[in-house]
Amino acid sequence: MSAHMSKTAALKAAQAACGRIHRRSRTDYVCFVPYYDQRPDGPSTELQADSYAKAAVMRARRVADVALALMGVTQAAGWWEVERAQFWFGETSAKGIVDRVLEELSADARNSRTKP
């Protein structure tokens, strides 16, 4: 994929690429997600968690990672901003994480242009 996607299209594609959360036992939840952020239709890997809430947050993070990669946000910058969005601002939805990351990156760009 050489062309970058819009936010809505990227989130929709990322949601479709990341599987649903499955309960395997009382304390084992699994979700299959793309191995590579830039190739959502490529190989997959699994996320494991011991509660549904943890699995949901982990899945949201991967959806956000994939969506940002499809939008053309560089991997290093996107990864750091996703960390900030989740742990400093408490975002737990994929759309919320993507919105926060784009807001932070645009604020950083504005600040770098105004500095002498």
Protein backbone atom coordinates (compact mmCIF):
# COMPACT_ATOMS: atom_id res chain seq x y z
CA MET A 1 0.00 0.00 0.00
CA SER A 2 1.74 3.11 -1.17
CA ALA A 3 -1.09 5.62 -0.75
CA HIS A 4 -1.96 6.77 2.73
CA MET A 5 -5.51 6.35 3.99
CA SER A 6 -7.82 8.78 5.70
CA LYS A 7 -8.37 8.35 9.43
CA THR A 8 -11.82 6.81 8.99
CA ALA A 9 -10.69 4.37 6.29
CA ALA A 10 -7.56 3.43 8.26
CA LEU A 11 -9.53 2.75 11.44
CA LYS A 12 -12.08 0.68 9.52
CA ALA A 13 -9.34 -1.39 7.85
CA ALA A 14 -7.48 -1.83 11.14
CA GLN A 15 -10.65 -2.91 12.97
CA ALA A 16 -11.32 -5.46 10.24
CA ALA A 17 -7.75 -6.78 10.36
CA CYS A 18 -7.73 -7.30 14.13
CA GLY A 19 -9.79 -10.26 15.21
CA ARG A 20 -12.36 -10.49 17.95
CA ILE A 21 -11.41 -11.36 21.50
CA HIS A 22 -12.00 -15.02 22.33
CA ARG A 23 -12.24 -16.51 25.79
CA ARG A 24 -10.33 -19.78 26.02
CA SER A 25 -10.71 -20.29 29.78
CA ARG A 26 -11.62 -18.29 32.88
CA THR A 27 -8.31 -16.46 32.80
CA ASP A 28 -7.20 -16.73 29.19
CA TYR A 29 -8.35 -14.35 26.47
CA VAL A 30 -6.81 -14.24 23.02
CA CYS A 31 -7.04 -11.97 19.99
CA PHE A 32 -5.34 -12.44 16.62
CA VAL A 33 -3.82 -9.27 15.17
CA PRO A 34 -1.54 -8.40 12.21
CA TYR A 35 2.14 -9.09 12.82
CA TYR A 36 3.23 -6.08 10.75
CA ASP A 37 1.50 -2.72 11.20
CA GLN A 38 1.97 -1.76 7.54
CA ARG A 39 0.57 -5.08 6.22
CA PRO A 40 -2.77 -5.80 7.89
CA ASP A 41 -3.51 -8.56 5.37
CA GLY A 42 -0.19 -10.32 6.05
CA PRO A 43 0.74 -12.81 8.75
CA SER A 44 -0.83 -12.57 12.18
CA THR A 45 0.16 -13.10 15.78
CA GLU A 46 -1.84 -13.47 18.93
CA LEU A 47 -2.27 -11.27 21.97
CA GLN A 48 -2.94 -13.06 25.24
CA ALA A 49 -4.34 -11.54 28.42
CA ASP A 50 -5.68 -12.81 31.72
CA SER A 51 -8.80 -10.63 31.69
CA TYR A 52 -11.20 -9.31 29.08
CA ALA A 53 -10.45 -5.69 30.04
CA LYS A 54 -6.72 -6.16 29.45
CA ALA A 55 -7.37 -7.92 26.16
CA ALA A 56 -9.65 -5.08 25.00
CA VAL A 57 -7.01 -2.44 25.76
CA MET A 58 -4.29 -4.48 24.05
CA ARG A 59 -6.49 -4.92 20.98
CA ALA A 60 -7.31 -1.20 20.88
CA ARG A 61 -3.61 -0.42 20.96
CA ARG A 62 -2.89 -2.74 18.03
CA VAL A 63 -5.82 -1.30 16.06
CA ALA A 64 -4.39 2.17 16.65
CA ASP A 65 -0.88 1.04 15.63
CA VAL A 66 -2.17 -0.46 12.39
CA ALA A 67 -4.40 2.56 11.63
CA LEU A 68 -1.53 5.00 12.18
CA ALA A 69 0.74 2.94 9.92
CA LEU A 70 -1.93 2.93 7.20
CA MET A 71 -2.24 6.70 7.58
CA GLY A 72 1.50 7.10 7.03
CA VAL A 73 2.55 8.08 10.55
CA THR A 74 6.15 6.93 11.01
CA GLN A 75 6.48 3.91 13.25
CA ALA A 76 8.81 5.45 15.87
CA ALA A 77 6.79 8.63 16.30
CA GLY A 78 3.51 6.74 16.27
CA TRP A 79 4.69 4.19 18.84
CA TRP A 80 5.83 6.85 21.30
CA GLU A 81 2.63 8.86 20.95
CA VAL A 82 0.47 5.74 21.39
CA GLU A 83 2.34 5.05 24.63
CA ARG A 84 1.61 8.60 25.81
CA ALA A 85 -2.04 8.42 24.78
CA GLN A 86 -2.62 5.19 26.68
CA PHE A 87 -0.67 5.72 29.84
CA TRP A 88 -0.59 9.49 30.35
CA PHE A 89 -4.05 10.37 29.09
CA GLY A 90 -5.88 7.10 29.81
CA GLU A 91 -7.20 6.50 26.30
CA THR A 92 -8.55 2.98 25.88
CA SER A 93 -10.35 3.10 22.52
CA ALA A 94 -8.58 2.84 19.20
CA LYS A 95 -10.26 6.00 17.87
CA GLY A 96 -9.35 7.90 21.04
CA ILE A 97 -5.73 6.81 20.78
CA VAL A 98 -5.50 7.78 17.10
CA ASP A 99 -7.15 11.15 17.78
CA ARG A 100 -4.74 11.89 20.65
CA VAL A 101 -1.70 10.84 18.61
CA LEU A 102 -2.68 13.06 15.67
CA GLU A 103 -3.38 15.95 18.04
CA GLU A 104 0.01 15.56 19.71
CA LEU A 105 1.89 15.23 16.42
CA SER A 106 0.20 18.31 14.98
CA ALA A 107 0.98 20.26 18.16
CA ASP A 108 4.63 19.15 17.92
CA ALA A 109 4.74 20.26 14.28
CA ARG A 110 3.26 23.66 15.14
CA ASN A 111 5.76 24.11 17.97
CA SER A 112 8.72 23.21 15.79
CA ARG A 113 7.69 25.75 13.13
CA THR A 114 7.32 28.61 15.64
CA LYS A 115 10.71 28.09 17.32
CA PRO A 116 13.47 30.35 16.01
